[in-house]
Amino acid sequence: MTKKISQLTLDIYPFTGKGESCYEHYQDDGESFDYRSGSYNLYDFILKRSGNLIEINISKTREAYGEKYQSFKFIINGIKPLEFFVDGQTGKIENDDD
């Protein structure tokens, strides 16, 4: 039986300076061949950086698998964020001394 994952954790190592990078994440049940008939979700993550500002945009480009992530956790390495916004609202920041 597949363990349901409700939170997707992404370990991010942002580049310095200015630029953009992207990542496409594929989600299915991890066991069956149902993806062959289209039963999967696709998420696009776009990271943009300009100086001290880092912006992460998430979009679901395909929703054909019944399970969805309830939350996303970003571990941003090499910087300590001062503010974090999700859809214009202040988000939760947990700082790790490491």
PDB file of N, CA and C in Angstrom:
ATOM      1  N   MET A   1       0.840  -1.189   0.000  1.00  0.00           N
ATOM      2  CA  MET A   1       0.000   0.000   0.000  1.00  0.00           C
ATOM      3  C   MET A   1       0.880   1.246   0.000  1.00  0.00           C
ATOM      4  N   THR A   2       0.512   2.215  -0.797  1.00  0.00           N
ATOM      5  CA  THR A   2       1.264   3.446  -0.929  1.00  0.00           C
ATOM      6  C   THR A   2       1.025   4.370   0.259  1.00  0.00           C
ATOM      7  N   LYS A   3       2.122   4.938   0.781  1.00  0.00           N
ATOM      8  CA  LYS A   3       2.003   5.942   1.836  1.00  0.00           C
ATOM      9  C   LYS A   3       1.613   7.263   1.188  1.00  0.00           C
ATOM     10  N   LYS A   4       0.556   7.879   1.683  1.00  0.00           N
ATOM     11  CA  LYS A   4       0.107   9.144   1.123  1.00  0.00           C
ATOM     12  C   LYS A   4       0.998  10.272   1.631  1.00  0.00           C
ATOM     13  N   ILE A   5       1.446  11.085   0.713  1.00  0.00           N
ATOM     14  CA  ILE A   5       2.294  12.223   1.047  1.00  0.00           C
ATOM     15  C   ILE A   5       1.454  13.481   0.918  1.00  0.00           C
ATOM     16  N   SER A   6       1.240  14.167   2.037  1.00  0.00           N
ATOM     17  CA  SER A   6       0.395  15.357   2.009  1.00  0.00           C
ATOM     18  C   SER A   6       1.204  16.636   1.829  1.00  0.00           C
ATOM     19  N   GLN A   7       2.506  16.579   2.131  1.00  0.00           N
ATOM     20  CA  GLN A   7       3.345  17.774   1.998  1.00  0.00           C
ATOM     21  C   GLN A   7       4.545  17.467   1.106  1.00  0.00           C
ATOM     22  N   LEU A   8       4.738  18.289   0.093  1.00  0.00           N
ATOM     23  CA  LEU A   8       5.903  18.166  -0.776  1.00  0.00           C
ATOM     24  C   LEU A   8       6.983  19.087  -0.233  1.00  0.00           C
ATOM     25  N   THR A   9       8.168  18.536   0.027  1.00  0.00           N
ATOM     26  CA  THR A   9       9.300  19.317   0.515  1.00  0.00           C
ATOM     27  C   THR A   9      10.323  19.453  -0.600  1.00  0.00           C
ATOM     28  N   LEU A  10      10.704  20.690  -0.883  1.00  0.00           N
ATOM     29  CA  LEU A  10      11.718  20.965  -1.901  1.00  0.00           C
ATOM     30  C   LEU A  10      12.914  21.644  -1.247  1.00  0.00           C
ATOM     31  N   ASP A  11      14.093  21.092  -1.466  1.00  0.00           N
ATOM     32  CA  ASP A  11      15.352  21.625  -0.973  1.00  0.00           C
ATOM     33  C   ASP A  11      15.917  22.532  -2.064  1.00  0.00           C
ATOM     34  N   ILE A  12      15.989  23.835  -1.799  1.00  0.00           N
ATOM     35  CA  ILE A  12      16.348  24.813  -2.823  1.00  0.00           C
ATOM     36  C   ILE A  12      17.703  25.443  -2.507  1.00  0.00           C
ATOM     37  N   TYR A  13      18.549  25.490  -3.522  1.00  0.00           N
ATOM     38  CA  TYR A  13      19.839  26.155  -3.448  1.00  0.00           C
ATOM     39  C   TYR A  13      19.814  27.288  -4.473  1.00  0.00           C
ATOM     40  N   PRO A  14      19.359  28.480  -4.053  1.00  0.00           N
ATOM     41  CA  PRO A  14      19.187  29.558  -5.032  1.00  0.00           C
ATOM     42  C   PRO A  14      20.523  30.068  -5.570  1.00  0.00           C
ATOM     43  N   PHE A  15      20.512  30.420  -6.833  1.00  0.00           N
ATOM     44  CA  PHE A  15      21.678  30.996  -7.471  1.00  0.00           C
ATOM     45  C   PHE A  15      21.865  32.414  -6.968  1.00  0.00           C
ATOM     46  N   THR A  16      23.039  32.969  -7.173  1.00  0.00           N
ATOM     47  CA  THR A  16      23.285  34.350  -6.764  1.00  0.00           C
ATOM     48  C   THR A  16      22.991  35.276  -7.932  1.00  0.00           C
ATOM     49  N   GLY A  17      22.768  36.528  -7.605  1.00  0.00           N
ATOM     50  CA  GLY A  17      22.524  37.515  -8.656  1.00  0.00           C
ATOM     51  C   GLY A  17      21.090  37.532  -9.117  1.00  0.00           C
ATOM     52  N   LYS A  18      20.922  37.587 -10.432  1.00  0.00           N
ATOM     53  CA  LYS A  18      19.596  37.721 -11.038  1.00  0.00           C
ATOM     54  C   LYS A  18      19.398  36.588 -12.033  1.00  0.00           C
ATOM     55  N   GLY A  19      18.196  36.024 -12.075  1.00  0.00           N
ATOM     56  CA  GLY A  19      17.916  34.974 -13.042  1.00  0.00           C
ATOM     57  C   GLY A  19      16.668  34.197 -12.704  1.00  0.00           C
ATOM     58  N   GLU A  20      16.472  33.105 -13.433  1.00  0.00           N
ATOM     59  CA  GLU A  20      15.265  32.293 -13.287  1.00  0.00           C
ATOM     60  C   GLU A  20      15.627  30.829 -13.512  1.00  0.00           C
ATOM     61  N   SER A  21      15.016  29.957 -12.736  1.00  0.00           N
ATOM     62  CA  SER A  21      15.153  28.520 -12.955  1.00  0.00           C
ATOM     63  C   SER A  21      13.783  27.880 -12.780  1.00  0.00           C
ATOM     64  N   CYS A  22      13.607  26.685 -13.322  1.00  0.00           N
ATOM     65  CA  CYS A  22      12.319  26.021 -13.220  1.00  0.00           C
ATOM     66  C   CYS A  22      12.486  24.529 -12.960  1.00  0.00           C
ATOM     67  N   TYR A  23      11.425  23.961 -12.405  1.00  0.00           N
ATOM     68  CA  TYR A  23      11.386  22.545 -12.069  1.00  0.00           C
ATOM     69  C   TYR A  23       9.969  22.047 -12.307  1.00  0.00           C
ATOM     70  N   GLU A  24       9.841  20.902 -12.976  1.00  0.00           N
ATOM     71  CA  GLU A  24       8.532  20.290 -13.191  1.00  0.00           C
ATOM     72  C   GLU A  24       8.456  19.044 -12.315  1.00  0.00           C
ATOM     73  N   HIS A  25       7.432  18.980 -11.472  1.00  0.00           N
ATOM     74  CA  HIS A  25       7.270  17.865 -10.539  1.00  0.00           C
ATOM     75  C   HIS A  25       6.087  16.997 -10.977  1.00  0.00           C
ATOM     76  N   TYR A  26       6.335  15.704 -11.025  1.00  0.00           N
ATOM     77  CA  TYR A  26       5.369  14.704 -11.471  1.00  0.00           C
ATOM     78  C   TYR A  26       4.856  13.959 -10.255  1.00  0.00           C
ATOM     79  N   GLN A  27       3.547  13.778 -10.126  1.00  0.00           N
ATOM     80  CA  GLN A  27       2.950  13.074  -8.989  1.00  0.00           C
ATOM     81  C   GLN A  27       1.984  12.005  -9.494  1.00  0.00           C
ATOM     82  N   ASP A  28       2.223  10.765  -9.057  1.00  0.00           N
ATOM     83  CA  ASP A  28       1.265   9.687  -9.302  1.00  0.00           C
ATOM     84  C   ASP A  28       1.291   8.750  -8.102  1.00  0.00           C
ATOM     85  N   ASP A  29       0.677   7.564  -8.211  1.00  0.00           N
ATOM     86  CA  ASP A  29       0.603   6.680  -7.048  1.00  0.00           C
ATOM     87  C   ASP A  29       1.915   5.945  -6.758  1.00  0.00           C
ATOM     88  N   GLY A  30       2.854   5.971  -7.681  1.00  0.00           N
ATOM     89  CA  GLY A  30       4.153   5.365  -7.441  1.00  0.00           C
ATOM     90  C   GLY A  30       4.181   3.847  -7.505  1.00  0.00           C
ATOM     91  N   GLU A  31       3.059   3.215  -7.800  1.00  0.00           N
ATOM     92  CA  GLU A  31       3.008   1.751  -7.808  1.00  0.00           C
ATOM     93  C   GLU A  31       2.410   1.167  -9.083  1.00  0.00           C
ATOM     94  N   SER A  32       1.326   1.735  -9.537  1.00  0.00           N
ATOM     95  CA  SER A  32       0.612   1.146 -10.671  1.00  0.00           C
ATOM     96  C   SER A  32       1.101   1.737 -11.991  1.00  0.00           C
ATOM     97  N   PHE A  33       0.502   1.279 -13.066  1.00  0.00           N
ATOM     98  CA  PHE A  33       0.769   1.819 -14.390  1.00  0.00           C
ATOM     99  C   PHE A  33      -0.351   2.748 -14.839  1.00  0.00           C
ATOM    100  N   ASP A  34      -1.135   3.267 -13.885  1.00  0.00           N
ATOM    101  CA  ASP A  34      -2.255   4.151 -14.212  1.00  0.00           C
ATOM    102  C   ASP A  34      -1.806   5.441 -14.905  1.00  0.00           C
ATOM    103  N   TYR A  35      -0.550   5.838 -14.695  1.00  0.00           N
ATOM    104  CA  TYR A  35      -0.035   7.041 -15.360  1.00  0.00           C
ATOM    105  C   TYR A  35      -0.113   6.901 -16.886  1.00  0.00           C
ATOM    106  N   ARG A  36      -0.045   5.654 -17.367  1.00  0.00           N
ATOM    107  CA  ARG A  36      -0.126   5.429 -18.821  1.00  0.00           C
ATOM    108  C   ARG A  36      -1.454   5.885 -19.410  1.00  0.00           C
ATOM    109  N   SER A  37      -2.486   5.807 -18.568  1.00  0.00           N
ATOM    110  CA  SER A  37      -3.794   6.269 -19.030  1.00  0.00           C
ATOM    111  C   SER A  37      -4.066   7.711 -18.583  1.00  0.00           C
ATOM    112  N   GLY A  38      -3.011   8.389 -18.101  1.00  0.00           N
ATOM    113  CA  GLY A  38      -3.146   9.817 -17.786  1.00  0.00           C
ATOM    114  C   GLY A  38      -3.397  10.155 -16.346  1.00  0.00           C
ATOM    115  N   SER A  39      -3.341   9.188 -15.427  1.00  0.00           N
ATOM    116  CA  SER A  39      -3.625   9.456 -14.017  1.00  0.00           C
ATOM    117  C   SER A  39      -2.375   9.969 -13.296  1.00  0.00           C
ATOM    118  N   TYR A  40      -2.106  11.263 -13.486  1.00  0.00           N
ATOM    119  CA  TYR A  40      -0.988  11.901 -12.804  1.00  0.00           C
ATOM    120  C   TYR A  40      -1.217  13.415 -12.761  1.00  0.00           C
ATOM    121  N   ASN A  41      -0.508  14.072 -11.860  1.00  0.00           N
ATOM    122  CA  ASN A  41      -0.526  15.523 -11.733  1.00  0.00           C
ATOM    123  C   ASN A  41       0.844  16.066 -12.101  1.00  0.00           C
ATOM    124  N   LEU A  42       0.883  17.265 -12.645  1.00  0.00           N
ATOM    125  CA  LEU A  42       2.135  17.964 -12.931  1.00  0.00           C
ATOM    126  C   LEU A  42       2.105  19.337 -12.273  1.00  0.00           C
ATOM    127  N   TYR A  43       3.197  19.666 -11.610  1.00  0.00           N
ATOM    128  CA  TYR A  43       3.362  20.971 -10.983  1.00  0.00           C
ATOM    129  C   TYR A  43       4.573  21.646 -11.606  1.00  0.00           C
ATOM    130  N   ASP A  44       4.459  22.923 -11.919  1.00  0.00           N
ATOM    131  CA  ASP A  44       5.593  23.714 -12.389  1.00  0.00           C
ATOM    132  C   ASP A  44       5.991  24.688 -11.291  1.00  0.00           C
ATOM    133  N   PHE A  45       7.276  24.689 -10.966  1.00  0.00           N
ATOM    134  CA  PHE A  45       7.850  25.611  -9.993  1.00  0.00           C
ATOM    135  C   PHE A  45       8.822  26.508 -10.739  1.00  0.00           C
ATOM    136  N   ILE A  46       8.655  27.808 -10.601  1.00  0.00           N
ATOM    137  CA  ILE A  46       9.561  28.773 -11.222  1.00  0.00           C
ATOM    138  C   ILE A  46      10.143  29.645 -10.118  1.00  0.00           C
ATOM    139  N   LEU A  47      11.469  29.653 -10.042  1.00  0.00           N
ATOM    140  CA  LEU A  47      12.171  30.469  -9.065  1.00  0.00           C
ATOM    141  C   LEU A  47      12.804  31.642  -9.793  1.00  0.00           C
ATOM    142  N   LYS A  48      12.499  32.850  -9.327  1.00  0.00           N
ATOM    143  CA  LYS A  48      13.086  34.061  -9.891  1.00  0.00           C
ATOM    144  C   LYS A  48      13.845  34.767  -8.774  1.00  0.00           C
ATOM    145  N   ARG A  49      15.030  35.243  -9.108  1.00  0.00           N
ATOM    146  CA  ARG A  49      15.808  35.971  -8.119  1.00  0.00           C
ATOM    147  C   ARG A  49      16.314  37.267  -8.722  1.00  0.00           C
ATOM    148  N   SER A  50      16.176  38.317  -7.927  1.00  0.00           N
ATOM    149  CA  SER A  50      16.704  39.624  -8.292  1.00  0.00           C
ATOM    150  C   SER A  50      17.253  40.243  -7.011  1.00  0.00           C
ATOM    151  N   GLY A  51      18.575  40.215  -6.843  1.00  0.00           N
ATOM    152  CA  GLY A  51      19.184  40.723  -5.619  1.00  0.00           C
ATOM    153  C   GLY A  51      18.768  39.884  -4.422  1.00  0.00           C
ATOM    154  N   ASN A  52      18.162  40.534  -3.437  1.00  0.00           N
ATOM    155  CA  ASN A  52      17.730  39.832  -2.226  1.00  0.00           C
ATOM    156  C   ASN A  52      16.323  39.258  -2.335  1.00  0.00           C
ATOM    157  N   LEU A  53      15.636  39.512  -3.424  1.00  0.00           N
ATOM    158  CA  LEU A  53      14.268  39.040  -3.594  1.00  0.00           C
ATOM    159  C   LEU A  53      14.260  37.693  -4.316  1.00  0.00           C
ATOM    160  N   ILE A  54      13.637  36.704  -3.691  1.00  0.00           N
ATOM    161  CA  ILE A  54      13.444  35.397  -4.310  1.00  0.00           C
ATOM    162  C   ILE A  54      11.949  35.151  -4.397  1.00  0.00           C
ATOM    163  N   GLU A  55      11.480  34.839  -5.588  1.00  0.00           N
ATOM    164  CA  GLU A  55      10.061  34.582  -5.821  1.00  0.00           C
ATOM    165  C   GLU A  55       9.914  33.161  -6.347  1.00  0.00           C
ATOM    166  N   ILE A  56       8.995  32.397  -5.723  1.00  0.00           N
ATOM    167  CA  ILE A  56       8.707  31.039  -6.176  1.00  0.00           C
ATOM    168  C   ILE A  56       7.248  30.984  -6.585  1.00  0.00           C
ATOM    169  N   ASN A  57       7.015  30.659  -7.849  1.00  0.00           N
ATOM    170  CA  ASN A  57       5.655  30.525  -8.360  1.00  0.00           C
ATOM    171  C   ASN A  57       5.356  29.053  -8.597  1.00  0.00           C
ATOM    172  N   ILE A  58       4.161  28.636  -8.164  1.00  0.00           N
ATOM    173  CA  ILE A  58       3.724  27.249  -8.335  1.00  0.00           C
ATOM    174  C   ILE A  58       2.466  27.250  -9.195  1.00  0.00           C
ATOM    175  N   SER A  59       2.451  26.388 -10.189  1.00  0.00           N
ATOM    176  CA  SER A  59       1.211  26.202 -10.949  1.00  0.00           C
ATOM    177  C   SER A  59       1.035  24.715 -11.214  1.00  0.00           C
ATOM    178  N   LYS A  60      -0.208  24.283 -11.127  1.00  0.00           N
ATOM    179  CA  LYS A  60      -0.522  22.889 -11.447  1.00  0.00           C
ATOM    180  C   LYS A  60      -0.955  22.872 -12.902  1.00  0.00           C
ATOM    181  N   THR A  61      -0.141  22.224 -13.736  1.00  0.00           N
ATOM    182  CA  THR A  61      -0.414  22.224 -15.170  1.00  0.00           C
ATOM    183  C   THR A  61      -1.240  21.024 -15.612  1.00  0.00           C
ATOM    184  N   ARG A  62      -1.324  20.028 -14.748  1.00  0.00           N
ATOM    185  CA  ARG A  62      -2.166  18.861 -15.042  1.00  0.00           C
ATOM    186  C   ARG A  62      -2.708  18.337 -13.721  1.00  0.00           C
ATOM    187  N   GLU A  63      -4.012  18.080 -13.688  1.00  0.00           N
ATOM    188  CA  GLU A  63      -4.656  17.537 -12.486  1.00  0.00           C
ATOM    189  C   GLU A  63      -5.550  16.376 -12.906  1.00  0.00           C
ATOM    190  N   ALA A  64      -4.948  15.180 -12.934  1.00  0.00           N
ATOM    191  CA  ALA A  64      -5.710  14.005 -13.347  1.00  0.00           C
ATOM    192  C   ALA A  64      -5.498  12.824 -12.395  1.00  0.00           C
ATOM    193  N   TYR A  65      -4.790  13.071 -11.298  1.00  0.00           N
ATOM    194  CA  TYR A  65      -4.585  12.064 -10.257  1.00  0.00           C
ATOM    195  C   TYR A  65      -5.303  12.566  -9.016  1.00  0.00           C
ATOM    196  N   GLY A  66      -6.074  11.727  -8.367  1.00  0.00           N
ATOM    197  CA  GLY A  66      -6.948  12.143  -7.271  1.00  0.00           C
ATOM    198  C   GLY A  66      -6.273  12.726  -6.055  1.00  0.00           C
ATOM    199  N   GLU A  67      -5.066  12.293  -5.732  1.00  0.00           N
ATOM    200  CA  GLU A  67      -4.370  12.817  -4.558  1.00  0.00           C
ATOM    201  C   GLU A  67      -3.734  14.163  -4.884  1.00  0.00           C
ATOM    202  N   LYS A  68      -3.770  15.069  -3.903  1.00  0.00           N
ATOM    203  CA  LYS A  68      -3.147  16.379  -4.060  1.00  0.00           C
ATOM    204  C   LYS A  68      -2.294  16.647  -2.834  1.00  0.00           C
ATOM    205  N   TYR A  69      -1.269  17.464  -3.010  1.00  0.00           N
ATOM    206  CA  TYR A  69      -0.493  17.912  -1.858  1.00  0.00           C
ATOM    207  C   TYR A  69      -1.326  18.932  -1.091  1.00  0.00           C
ATOM    208  N   GLN A  70      -1.308  18.807   0.221  1.00  0.00           N
ATOM    209  CA  GLN A  70      -2.025  19.762   1.059  1.00  0.00           C
ATOM    210  C   GLN A  70      -1.175  20.990   1.343  1.00  0.00           C
ATOM    211  N   SER A  71       0.161  20.809   1.285  1.00  0.00           N
ATOM    212  CA  SER A  71       1.060  21.931   1.553  1.00  0.00           C
ATOM    213  C   SER A  71       2.404  21.700   0.876  1.00  0.00           C
ATOM    214  N   PHE A  72       3.180  22.779   0.818  1.00  0.00           N
ATOM    215  CA  PHE A  72       4.525  22.751   0.264  1.00  0.00           C
ATOM    216  C   PHE A  72       5.475  23.312   1.307  1.00  0.00           C
ATOM    217  N   LYS A  73       6.639  22.694   1.427  1.00  0.00           N
ATOM    218  CA  LYS A  73       7.676  23.176   2.335  1.00  0.00           C
ATOM    219  C   LYS A  73       8.923  23.430   1.505  1.00  0.00           C
ATOM    220  N   PHE A  74       9.464  24.632   1.616  1.00  0.00           N
ATOM    221  CA  PHE A  74      10.671  25.002   0.883  1.00  0.00           C
ATOM    222  C   PHE A  74      11.807  25.178   1.876  1.00  0.00           C
ATOM    223  N   ILE A  75      12.856  24.431   1.693  1.00  0.00           N
ATOM    224  CA  ILE A  75      14.073  24.600   2.483  1.00  0.00           C
ATOM    225  C   ILE A  75      15.023  25.387   1.594  1.00  0.00           C
ATOM    226  N   ILE A  76      15.221  26.660   1.938  1.00  0.00           N
ATOM    227  CA  ILE A  76      16.044  27.541   1.114  1.00  0.00           C
ATOM    228  C   ILE A  76      17.417  27.632   1.772  1.00  0.00           C
ATOM    229  N   ASN A  77      18.399  27.084   1.104  1.00  0.00           N
ATOM    230  CA  ASN A  77      19.756  26.986   1.641  1.00  0.00           C
ATOM    231  C   ASN A  77      20.590  28.205   1.278  1.00  0.00           C
ATOM    232  N   GLY A  78      21.445  28.613   2.207  1.00  0.00           N
ATOM    233  CA  GLY A  78      22.399  29.678   1.935  1.00  0.00           C
ATOM    234  C   GLY A  78      21.916  31.075   2.236  1.00  0.00           C
ATOM    235  N   ILE A  79      20.643  31.247   2.574  1.00  0.00           N
ATOM    236  CA  ILE A  79      20.117  32.569   2.931  1.00  0.00           C
ATOM    237  C   ILE A  79      19.153  32.428   4.097  1.00  0.00           C
ATOM    238  N   LYS A  80      18.944  33.510   4.808  1.00  0.00           N
ATOM    239  CA  LYS A  80      17.951  33.536   5.881  1.00  0.00           C
ATOM    240  C   LYS A  80      16.891  34.563   5.500  1.00  0.00           C
ATOM    241  N   PRO A  81      15.701  34.099   5.129  1.00  0.00           N
ATOM    242  CA  PRO A  81      14.659  35.044   4.702  1.00  0.00           C
ATOM    243  C   PRO A  81      14.165  35.914   5.857  1.00  0.00           C
ATOM    244  N   LEU A  82      13.871  37.163   5.523  1.00  0.00           N
ATOM    245  CA  LEU A  82      13.314  38.084   6.502  1.00  0.00           C
ATOM    246  C   LEU A  82      11.794  38.127   6.419  1.00  0.00           C
ATOM    247  N   GLU A  83      11.267  37.923   5.223  1.00  0.00           N
ATOM    248  CA  GLU A  83       9.827  37.923   4.995  1.00  0.00           C
ATOM    249  C   GLU A  83       9.487  36.816   4.013  1.00  0.00           C
ATOM    250  N   PHE A  84       8.242  36.339   4.120  1.00  0.00           N
ATOM    251  CA  PHE A  84       7.777  35.277   3.238  1.00  0.00           C
ATOM    252  C   PHE A  84       6.306  35.528   2.973  1.00  0.00           C
ATOM    253  N   PHE A  85       5.917  35.556   1.710  1.00  0.00           N
ATOM    254  CA  PHE A  85       4.530  35.819   1.351  1.00  0.00           C
ATOM    255  C   PHE A  85       3.984  34.686   0.498  1.00  0.00           C
ATOM    256  N   VAL A  86       2.745  34.322   0.769  1.00  0.00           N
ATOM    257  CA  VAL A  86       2.018  33.340  -0.024  1.00  0.00           C
ATOM    258  C   VAL A  86       0.725  34.007  -0.457  1.00  0.00           C
ATOM    259  N   ASP A  87       0.543  34.155  -1.756  1.00  0.00           N
ATOM    260  CA  ASP A  87      -0.644  34.827  -2.293  1.00  0.00           C
ATOM    261  C   ASP A  87      -0.884  36.178  -1.627  1.00  0.00           C
ATOM    262  N   GLY A  88       0.200  36.924  -1.401  1.00  0.00           N
ATOM    263  CA  GLY A  88       0.090  38.257  -0.819  1.00  0.00           C
ATOM    264  C   GLY A  88      -0.036  38.285   0.694  1.00  0.00           C
ATOM    265  N   GLN A  89      -0.133  37.137   1.339  1.00  0.00           N
ATOM    266  CA  GLN A  89      -0.257  37.065   2.797  1.00  0.00           C
ATOM    267  C   GLN A  89       1.070  36.588   3.398  1.00  0.00           C
ATOM    268  N   THR A  90       1.382  37.062   4.601  1.00  0.00           N
ATOM    269  CA  THR A  90       2.615  36.640   5.274  1.00  0.00           C
ATOM    270  C   THR A  90       2.565  35.153   5.547  1.00  0.00           C
ATOM    271  N   GLY A  91       3.642  34.465   5.172  1.00  0.00           N
ATOM    272  CA  GLY A  91       3.749  33.013   5.391  1.00  0.00           C
ATOM    273  C   GLY A  91       4.589  32.718   6.611  1.00  0.00           C
ATOM    274  N   LYS A  92       4.639  31.460   6.983  1.00  0.00           N
ATOM    275  CA  LYS A  92       5.374  31.013   8.159  1.00  0.00           C
ATOM    276  C   LYS A  92       6.831  30.751   7.800  1.00  0.00           C
ATOM    277  N   ILE A  93       7.750  31.279   8.622  1.00  0.00           N
ATOM    278  CA  ILE A  93       9.186  31.073   8.436  1.00  0.00           C
ATOM    279  C   ILE A  93       9.718  30.331   9.643  1.00  0.00           C
ATOM    280  N   GLU A  94      10.455  29.267   9.372  1.00  0.00           N
ATOM    281  CA  GLU A  94      11.171  28.556  10.429  1.00  0.00           C
ATOM    282  C   GLU A  94      12.641  28.637  10.082  1.00  0.00           C
ATOM    283  N   ASN A  95      13.445  29.247  10.956  1.00  0.00           N
ATOM    284  CA  ASN A  95      14.872  29.347  10.701  1.00  0.00           C
ATOM    285  C   ASN A  95      15.610  28.257  11.433  1.00  0.00           C
ATOM    286  N   ASP A  96      16.562  27.673  10.739  1.00  0.00           N
ATOM    287  CA  ASP A  96      17.436  26.650  11.292  1.00  0.00           C
ATOM    288  C   ASP A  96      18.821  27.267  11.358  1.00  0.00           C
ATOM    289  N   ASP A  97      19.494  27.161  12.466  1.00  0.00           N
ATOM    290  CA  ASP A  97      20.813  27.759  12.606  1.00  0.00           C
ATOM    291  C   ASP A  97      21.816  27.250  11.591  1.00  0.00           C
ATOM    292  N   ASP A  98      21.588  26.061  11.042  1.00  0.00           N
ATOM    293  CA  ASP A  98      22.473  25.503  10.026  1.00  0.00           C
ATOM    294  C   ASP A  98      22.101  26.021   8.669  1.00  0.00           C
TER     295      ASP A  98
END
